[in-house]
């Protein structure tokens, strides 16, 4: 394993509700990017989403605004 200290989880709730986890990488089908990124941001996580951020401009804009409000990136 190249990065043994990286904590990898596949259950969203395990990540979202774990206060020790500060940030998440979202690598799922594009249709789920908005939904999962929004949940993560609302839970106070820093979020990295693979392209595309969202499937619509309005969803992408909402995620950017939410990240700014939560001071998350």
Protein backbone atom coordinates (compact mmCIF):
# COMPACT_ATOMS: atom_id res chain seq x y z
CA UNK A 1 0.00 0.00 0.00
CA UNK A 2 1.47 3.33 -1.07
CA UNK A 3 -0.36 5.50 1.50
CA UNK A 4 -1.10 3.31 4.52
CA UNK A 5 -2.20 6.28 6.64
CA UNK A 6 -5.02 7.20 4.23
CA UNK A 7 -8.34 6.09 5.65
CA UNK A 8 -10.47 4.63 2.86
CA UNK A 9 -14.20 4.10 3.43
CA UNK A 10 -16.97 3.16 1.04
CA UNK A 11 -19.97 3.79 3.33
CA UNK A 12 -21.05 7.43 3.07
CA UNK A 13 -22.62 7.59 6.53
CA UNK A 14 -19.42 6.27 8.10
CA UNK A 15 -17.58 9.23 6.59
CA UNK A 16 -20.22 11.94 6.97
CA UNK A 17 -20.82 11.36 10.66
CA UNK A 18 -17.20 10.77 11.70
CA UNK A 19 -15.88 13.97 13.30
CA UNK A 20 -12.29 12.78 12.88
CA UNK A 21 -12.59 12.88 9.08
CA UNK A 22 -11.96 16.41 7.81
CA UNK A 23 -12.18 15.90 4.07
CA UNK A 24 -13.52 13.51 1.47
CA UNK A 25 -12.71 12.58 -2.11
CA UNK A 26 -15.81 11.87 -4.17
CA UNK A 27 -15.25 9.43 -6.99
CA UNK A 28 -18.62 8.00 -8.00
CA UNK A 29 -20.79 8.19 -11.12
CA UNK A 30 -21.27 11.84 -12.13
CA UNK A 31 -25.01 11.68 -11.47
CA UNK A 32 -24.22 11.31 -7.75
CA UNK A 33 -21.59 14.06 -7.44
CA UNK A 34 -23.99 16.86 -6.46
CA UNK A 35 -25.94 14.84 -3.92
CA UNK A 36 -22.90 13.42 -2.12
CA UNK A 37 -20.86 16.63 -2.26
CA UNK A 38 -23.79 18.56 -0.80
CA UNK A 39 -24.17 16.07 2.06
CA UNK A 40 -20.46 16.22 2.79
CA UNK A 41 -20.38 20.02 2.77
CA UNK A 42 -23.42 20.23 5.03
CA UNK A 43 -21.60 17.88 7.43
CA UNK A 44 -18.65 20.30 7.48
CA UNK A 45 -16.23 18.28 5.36
CA UNK A 46 -13.72 19.62 2.87
CA UNK A 47 -14.61 18.08 -0.48
CA UNK A 48 -12.68 17.08 -3.60
CA UNK A 49 -14.96 15.97 -6.44
CA UNK A 50 -13.72 14.38 -9.63
CA UNK A 51 -14.94 16.09 -12.80
CA UNK A 52 -17.63 17.17 -13.37
CA UNK A 53 -18.51 18.90 -10.11
CA UNK A 54 -22.20 18.60 -11.00
CA UNK A 55 -24.31 17.89 -14.05
CA UNK A 56 -25.93 21.33 -14.16
CA UNK A 57 -24.55 24.83 -13.76
CA UNK A 58 -27.12 25.61 -11.06
CA UNK A 59 -26.11 22.56 -8.99
CA UNK A 60 -22.43 23.43 -9.38
CA UNK A 61 -23.09 27.03 -8.38
CA UNK A 62 -25.02 25.88 -5.31
CA UNK A 63 -22.12 23.65 -4.22
CA UNK A 64 -19.63 26.50 -4.60
CA UNK A 65 -21.84 28.84 -2.57
CA UNK A 66 -22.37 26.19 0.10
CA UNK A 67 -18.61 25.59 0.34
CA UNK A 68 -18.02 29.31 0.73
CA UNK A 69 -20.70 29.60 3.44
CA UNK A 70 -19.25 26.64 5.34
CA UNK A 71 -15.69 27.85 4.69
CA UNK A 72 -14.88 24.49 3.11
CA UNK A 73 -12.98 23.82 -0.06
